[in-house]
Amino acid sequence: MQQPLTVIVGAATLWVWLPGPAAPDTGLLSRPLDPLPGVRIAVGPPAGGREGFRRSHLAALTTQRMLARLRSPRRVAGFDDVQLSSLISQDVEQADDFVKTTLGDLATASPELRHAVLTYIQAQCNTTRAAGRLFTHRNTLLRQLDRADQLLPKPLEDHTVKVAVALDLLQWRGSD
């Protein structure tokens, strides 16, 4: 059985590589962090060999930098979760402009409304499936989507992907 590789990088940084075919569950990793304020975990994707080791390490560093750049309150993140937001937030000023022009007034709407819209999009714009994920009535979700359309500069159906990316970026910033 392979042992984890641990490197102490500095007083505030520790790198750990775990053997195995799958990345650790980021949800499970966040639970023990509650009593440890200031501790963050960035997880790279699992990969084999030297090149895979290097790619996974660079992905974890990218995740760490994005969380710091966006001043995210999230304490645990995997590269797969942040890859798109990381690309779009390389230039913070342009990312801010993208969010504003894409979301309009939805950017400052309630976190519940923004979460409902993102959940709807992630459910492939299926109202029934999204309502189930939100534990709400389908008609409640339809009212929320109507409200979102009033706040958006363009109707949701005309730029669903852009809205999803902008909402995802807001989530990582802790603006929800």
C-alpha atoms as a PDB file:
ATOM      1  CA  MET A   1       0.000   0.000   0.000  1.00  0.00           C
ATOM      2  CA  GLN A   2       1.349   3.408  -0.987  1.00  0.00           C
ATOM      3  CA  GLN A   3       1.717   6.089   1.629  1.00  0.00           C
ATOM      4  CA  PRO A   4       0.715   9.731   1.150  1.00  0.00           C
ATOM      5  CA  LEU A   5       3.505  12.098   0.139  1.00  0.00           C
ATOM      6  CA  THR A   6       3.629  15.214   2.317  1.00  0.00           C
ATOM      7  CA  VAL A   7       5.756  18.301   1.702  1.00  0.00           C
ATOM      8  CA  ILE A   8       5.900  21.242   4.110  1.00  0.00           C
ATOM      9  CA  VAL A   9       6.172  24.222   1.765  1.00  0.00           C
ATOM     10  CA  GLY A  10       6.172  26.951   4.389  1.00  0.00           C
ATOM     11  CA  ALA A  11       4.720  27.978   7.711  1.00  0.00           C
ATOM     12  CA  ALA A  12       1.210  28.189   6.228  1.00  0.00           C
ATOM     13  CA  THR A  13       1.313  25.675   3.370  1.00  0.00           C
ATOM     14  CA  LEU A  14       1.312  21.903   3.294  1.00  0.00           C
ATOM     15  CA  TRP A  15       1.054  19.815   0.117  1.00  0.00           C
ATOM     16  CA  VAL A  16      -0.271  16.267   0.335  1.00  0.00           C
ATOM     17  CA  TRP A  17      -0.531  13.708  -2.451  1.00  0.00           C
ATOM     18  CA  LEU A  18      -2.789  10.728  -1.828  1.00  0.00           C
ATOM     19  CA  PRO A  19      -2.477   7.464  -3.738  1.00  0.00           C
ATOM     20  CA  GLY A  20      -5.559   6.067  -5.378  1.00  0.00           C
ATOM     21  CA  PRO A  21      -7.700   6.158  -8.491  1.00  0.00           C
ATOM     22  CA  ALA A  22     -10.234   8.740  -7.285  1.00  0.00           C
ATOM     23  CA  ALA A  23     -10.109  12.248  -5.876  1.00  0.00           C
ATOM     24  CA  PRO A  24     -11.289  12.624  -2.291  1.00  0.00           C
ATOM     25  CA  ASP A  25     -14.852  13.854  -1.773  1.00  0.00           C
ATOM     26  CA  THR A  26     -14.595  17.623  -1.248  1.00  0.00           C
ATOM     27  CA  GLY A  27     -17.817  17.588   0.786  1.00  0.00           C
ATOM     28  CA  LEU A  28     -16.336  15.130   3.256  1.00  0.00           C
ATOM     29  CA  LEU A  29     -13.095  17.099   3.453  1.00  0.00           C
ATOM     30  CA  SER A  30     -14.857  20.286   4.545  1.00  0.00           C
ATOM     31  CA  ARG A  31     -16.477  18.793   7.670  1.00  0.00           C
ATOM     32  CA  PRO A  32     -13.327  18.443   9.795  1.00  0.00           C
ATOM     33  CA  LEU A  33     -12.271  22.003   8.879  1.00  0.00           C
ATOM     34  CA  ASP A  34     -14.989  23.680  10.961  1.00  0.00           C
ATOM     35  CA  PRO A  35     -12.843  23.978  14.107  1.00  0.00           C
ATOM     36  CA  LEU A  36      -9.806  25.088  12.027  1.00  0.00           C
ATOM     37  CA  PRO A  37     -10.414  28.637  10.792  1.00  0.00           C
ATOM     38  CA  GLY A  38      -8.194  29.740   7.945  1.00  0.00           C
ATOM     39  CA  VAL A  39      -7.476  26.213   6.696  1.00  0.00           C
ATOM     40  CA  ARG A  40      -8.260  25.617   3.011  1.00  0.00           C
ATOM     41  CA  ILE A  41      -7.947  22.579   0.786  1.00  0.00           C
ATOM     42  CA  ALA A  42      -7.468  22.656  -2.991  1.00  0.00           C
ATOM     43  CA  VAL A  43      -7.822  19.267  -4.701  1.00  0.00           C
ATOM     44  CA  GLY A  44      -6.335  18.358  -8.069  1.00  0.00           C
ATOM     45  CA  PRO A  45      -7.797  15.609 -10.255  1.00  0.00           C
ATOM     46  CA  PRO A  46      -6.438  12.076  -9.918  1.00  0.00           C
ATOM     47  CA  ALA A  47      -3.910  11.125 -12.580  1.00  0.00           C
ATOM     48  CA  GLY A  48      -1.236   8.482 -13.002  1.00  0.00           C
ATOM     49  CA  GLY A  49       2.455   8.682 -13.702  1.00  0.00           C
ATOM     50  CA  ARG A  50       4.862  11.585 -13.504  1.00  0.00           C
ATOM     51  CA  GLU A  51       2.951  13.704 -16.011  1.00  0.00           C
ATOM     52  CA  GLY A  52      -0.321  13.013 -14.194  1.00  0.00           C
ATOM     53  CA  PHE A  53       1.305  13.926 -10.889  1.00  0.00           C
ATOM     54  CA  ARG A  54       2.499  17.225 -12.381  1.00  0.00           C
ATOM     55  CA  ARG A  55      -0.883  18.042 -13.980  1.00  0.00           C
ATOM     56  CA  SER A  56      -2.747  17.257 -10.769  1.00  0.00           C
ATOM     57  CA  HIS A  57      -0.409  19.441  -8.730  1.00  0.00           C
ATOM     58  CA  LEU A  58      -0.747  22.361 -11.185  1.00  0.00           C
ATOM     59  CA  ALA A  59      -4.537  21.974 -11.148  1.00  0.00           C
ATOM     60  CA  ALA A  60      -4.566  22.140  -7.341  1.00  0.00           C
ATOM     61  CA  LEU A  61      -2.395  25.277  -7.472  1.00  0.00           C
ATOM     62  CA  THR A  62      -4.816  26.821  -9.993  1.00  0.00           C
ATOM     63  CA  THR A  63      -7.695  26.016  -7.642  1.00  0.00           C
ATOM     64  CA  GLN A  64      -5.852  27.573  -4.708  1.00  0.00           C
ATOM     65  CA  ARG A  65      -5.056  30.747  -6.687  1.00  0.00           C
ATOM     66  CA  MET A  66      -8.647  31.141  -7.893  1.00  0.00           C
ATOM     67  CA  LEU A  67     -10.042  30.863  -4.369  1.00  0.00           C
ATOM     68  CA  ALA A  68      -7.556  33.511  -3.211  1.00  0.00           C
ATOM     69  CA  ARG A  69      -8.117  35.778  -6.248  1.00  0.00           C
ATOM     70  CA  LEU A  70     -11.884  35.770  -5.761  1.00  0.00           C
ATOM     71  CA  ARG A  71     -11.550  35.963  -1.962  1.00  0.00           C
ATOM     72  CA  SER A  72     -13.868  32.990  -1.833  1.00  0.00           C
ATOM     73  CA  PRO A  73     -15.268  31.952   1.533  1.00  0.00           C
ATOM     74  CA  ARG A  74     -15.250  28.344   0.317  1.00  0.00           C
ATOM     75  CA  ARG A  75     -12.674  26.328   2.212  1.00  0.00           C
ATOM     76  CA  VAL A  76     -12.527  23.203   0.058  1.00  0.00           C
ATOM     77  CA  ALA A  77     -12.613  23.041  -3.714  1.00  0.00           C
ATOM     78  CA  GLY A  78     -11.713  20.567  -6.396  1.00  0.00           C
ATOM     79  CA  PHE A  79     -10.284  21.579  -9.751  1.00  0.00           C
ATOM     80  CA  ASP A  80     -13.217  20.024 -11.574  1.00  0.00           C
ATOM     81  CA  ASP A  81     -15.520  22.369  -9.636  1.00  0.00           C
ATOM     82  CA  VAL A  82     -13.578  25.552 -10.408  1.00  0.00           C
ATOM     83  CA  GLN A  83     -12.024  24.967 -13.830  1.00  0.00           C
ATOM     84  CA  LEU A  84     -14.471  27.110 -15.820  1.00  0.00           C
ATOM     85  CA  SER A  85     -14.697  29.876 -13.217  1.00  0.00           C
ATOM     86  CA  SER A  86     -10.918  29.894 -12.966  1.00  0.00           C
ATOM     87  CA  LEU A  87     -10.577  30.490 -16.698  1.00  0.00           C
ATOM     88  CA  ILE A  88     -13.164  33.247 -16.749  1.00  0.00           C
ATOM     89  CA  SER A  89     -11.789  35.017 -13.664  1.00  0.00           C
ATOM     90  CA  GLN A  90      -8.156  35.335 -14.780  1.00  0.00           C
ATOM     91  CA  ASP A  91      -8.820  39.057 -15.258  1.00  0.00           C
ATOM     92  CA  VAL A  92     -10.973  40.081 -12.283  1.00  0.00           C
ATOM     93  CA  GLU A  93     -12.078  43.350 -13.893  1.00  0.00           C
ATOM     94  CA  GLN A  94     -13.265  41.570 -17.049  1.00  0.00           C
ATOM     95  CA  ALA A  95     -14.971  38.915 -14.935  1.00  0.00           C
ATOM     96  CA  ASP A  96     -16.820  41.644 -13.000  1.00  0.00           C
ATOM     97  CA  ASP A  97     -17.911  43.213 -16.275  1.00  0.00           C
ATOM     98  CA  PHE A  98     -19.060  39.827 -17.610  1.00  0.00           C
ATOM     99  CA  VAL A  99     -21.179  39.226 -14.498  1.00  0.00           C
ATOM    100  CA  LYS A 100     -22.735  42.700 -14.624  1.00  0.00           C
ATOM    101  CA  THR A 101     -23.563  42.646 -18.325  1.00  0.00           C
ATOM    102  CA  THR A 102     -24.810  39.070 -18.267  1.00  0.00           C
ATOM    103  CA  LEU A 103     -26.879  39.136 -15.084  1.00  0.00           C
ATOM    104  CA  GLY A 104     -27.925  42.766 -14.790  1.00  0.00           C
ATOM    105  CA  ASP A 105     -30.054  43.170 -11.663  1.00  0.00           C
ATOM    106  CA  LEU A 106     -30.075  39.414 -11.040  1.00  0.00           C
ATOM    107  CA  ALA A 107     -26.470  39.797  -9.822  1.00  0.00           C
ATOM    108  CA  THR A 108     -27.728  41.575  -6.702  1.00  0.00           C
ATOM    109  CA  ALA A 109     -30.961  39.604  -6.268  1.00  0.00           C
ATOM    110  CA  SER A 110     -31.485  37.285  -3.333  1.00  0.00           C
ATOM    111  CA  PRO A 111     -29.157  34.297  -3.050  1.00  0.00           C
ATOM    112  CA  GLU A 112     -32.241  32.028  -3.100  1.00  0.00           C
ATOM    113  CA  LEU A 113     -33.353  33.389  -6.473  1.00  0.00           C
ATOM    114  CA  ARG A 114     -29.885  33.063  -8.000  1.00  0.00           C
ATOM    115  CA  HIS A 115     -29.566  29.522  -6.600  1.00  0.00           C
ATOM    116  CA  ALA A 116     -32.957  28.581  -8.075  1.00  0.00           C
ATOM    117  CA  VAL A 117     -31.936  29.833 -11.534  1.00  0.00           C
ATOM    118  CA  LEU A 118     -28.598  28.010 -11.434  1.00  0.00           C
ATOM    119  CA  THR A 119     -30.249  24.801 -10.224  1.00  0.00           C
ATOM    120  CA  TYR A 120     -32.793  25.079 -13.060  1.00  0.00           C
ATOM    121  CA  ILE A 121     -30.004  25.429 -15.624  1.00  0.00           C
ATOM    122  CA  GLN A 122     -28.032  22.547 -14.071  1.00  0.00           C
ATOM    123  CA  ALA A 123     -31.188  20.429 -14.338  1.00  0.00           C
ATOM    124  CA  GLN A 124     -31.025  21.016 -18.091  1.00  0.00           C
ATOM    125  CA  CYS A 125     -33.813  23.607 -17.875  1.00  0.00           C
ATOM    126  CA  ASN A 126     -36.244  20.957 -16.675  1.00  0.00           C
ATOM    127  CA  THR A 127     -38.638  22.665 -14.269  1.00  0.00           C
ATOM    128  CA  THR A 128     -39.896  19.507 -12.589  1.00  0.00           C
ATOM    129  CA  ARG A 129     -36.401  18.116 -11.994  1.00  0.00           C
ATOM    130  CA  ALA A 130     -35.116  21.475 -10.717  1.00  0.00           C
ATOM    131  CA  ALA A 131     -38.083  21.904  -8.364  1.00  0.00           C
ATOM    132  CA  GLY A 132     -37.337  18.455  -6.942  1.00  0.00           C
ATOM    133  CA  ARG A 133     -33.693  19.348  -6.357  1.00  0.00           C
ATOM    134  CA  LEU A 134     -34.762  22.579  -4.665  1.00  0.00           C
ATOM    135  CA  PHE A 135     -37.431  20.837  -2.573  1.00  0.00           C
ATOM    136  CA  THR A 136     -39.972  23.361  -3.775  1.00  0.00           C
ATOM    137  CA  HIS A 137     -43.200  23.311  -5.764  1.00  0.00           C
ATOM    138  CA  ARG A 138     -42.903  23.558  -9.535  1.00  0.00           C
ATOM    139  CA  ASN A 139     -45.123  26.678  -9.570  1.00  0.00           C
ATOM    140  CA  THR A 140     -42.852  28.372  -7.031  1.00  0.00           C
ATOM    141  CA  LEU A 141     -39.896  27.740  -9.305  1.00  0.00           C
ATOM    142  CA  LEU A 142     -41.812  29.056 -12.315  1.00  0.00           C
ATOM    143  CA  ARG A 143     -42.512  32.293 -10.404  1.00  0.00           C
ATOM    144  CA  GLN A 144     -38.814  32.552  -9.511  1.00  0.00           C
ATOM    145  CA  LEU A 145     -37.826  32.061 -13.148  1.00  0.00           C
ATOM    146  CA  ASP A 146     -40.302  34.754 -14.227  1.00  0.00           C
ATOM    147  CA  ARG A 147     -38.766  37.097 -11.652  1.00  0.00           C
ATOM    148  CA  ALA A 148     -35.268  36.265 -12.920  1.00  0.00           C
ATOM    149  CA  ASP A 149     -36.336  37.062 -16.481  1.00  0.00           C
ATOM    150  CA  GLN A 150     -37.500  40.489 -15.284  1.00  0.00           C
ATOM    151  CA  LEU A 151     -34.079  41.142 -13.735  1.00  0.00           C
ATOM    152  CA  LEU A 152     -31.943  39.788 -16.579  1.00  0.00           C
ATOM    153  CA  PRO A 153     -30.942  42.111 -19.451  1.00  0.00           C
ATOM    154  CA  LYS A 154     -31.956  39.369 -21.929  1.00  0.00           C
ATOM    155  CA  PRO A 155     -34.380  36.476 -21.418  1.00  0.00           C
ATOM    156  CA  LEU A 156     -32.811  33.431 -19.756  1.00  0.00           C
ATOM    157  CA  GLU A 157     -33.617  31.216 -22.738  1.00  0.00           C
ATOM    158  CA  ASP A 158     -31.516  33.477 -25.000  1.00  0.00           C
ATOM    159  CA  HIS A 159     -28.260  33.125 -23.033  1.00  0.00           C
ATOM    160  CA  THR A 160     -28.578  30.232 -20.620  1.00  0.00           C
ATOM    161  CA  VAL A 161     -24.916  29.205 -20.718  1.00  0.00           C
ATOM    162  CA  LYS A 162     -23.635  32.722 -20.016  1.00  0.00           C
ATOM    163  CA  VAL A 163     -26.066  33.087 -17.102  1.00  0.00           C
ATOM    164  CA  ALA A 164     -24.911  29.749 -15.666  1.00  0.00           C
ATOM    165  CA  VAL A 165     -21.243  30.752 -15.897  1.00  0.00           C
ATOM    166  CA  ALA A 166     -21.884  34.155 -14.303  1.00  0.00           C
ATOM    167  CA  LEU A 167     -23.924  32.608 -11.469  1.00  0.00           C
ATOM    168  CA  ASP A 168     -21.244  29.981 -10.887  1.00  0.00           C
ATOM    169  CA  LEU A 169     -18.637  32.720 -10.645  1.00  0.00           C
ATOM    170  CA  LEU A 170     -20.778  34.581  -8.097  1.00  0.00           C
ATOM    171  CA  GLN A 171     -21.067  31.389  -6.029  1.00  0.00           C
ATOM    172  CA  TRP A 172     -17.282  31.004  -5.854  1.00  0.00           C
ATOM    173  CA  ARG A 173     -16.953  34.620  -4.813  1.00  0.00           C
ATOM    174  CA  GLY A 174     -19.281  34.000  -1.946  1.00  0.00           C
ATOM    175  CA  SER A 175     -21.824  36.427  -3.333  1.00  0.00           C
ATOM    176  CA  ASP A 176     -24.699  34.057  -2.682  1.00  0.00           C
END
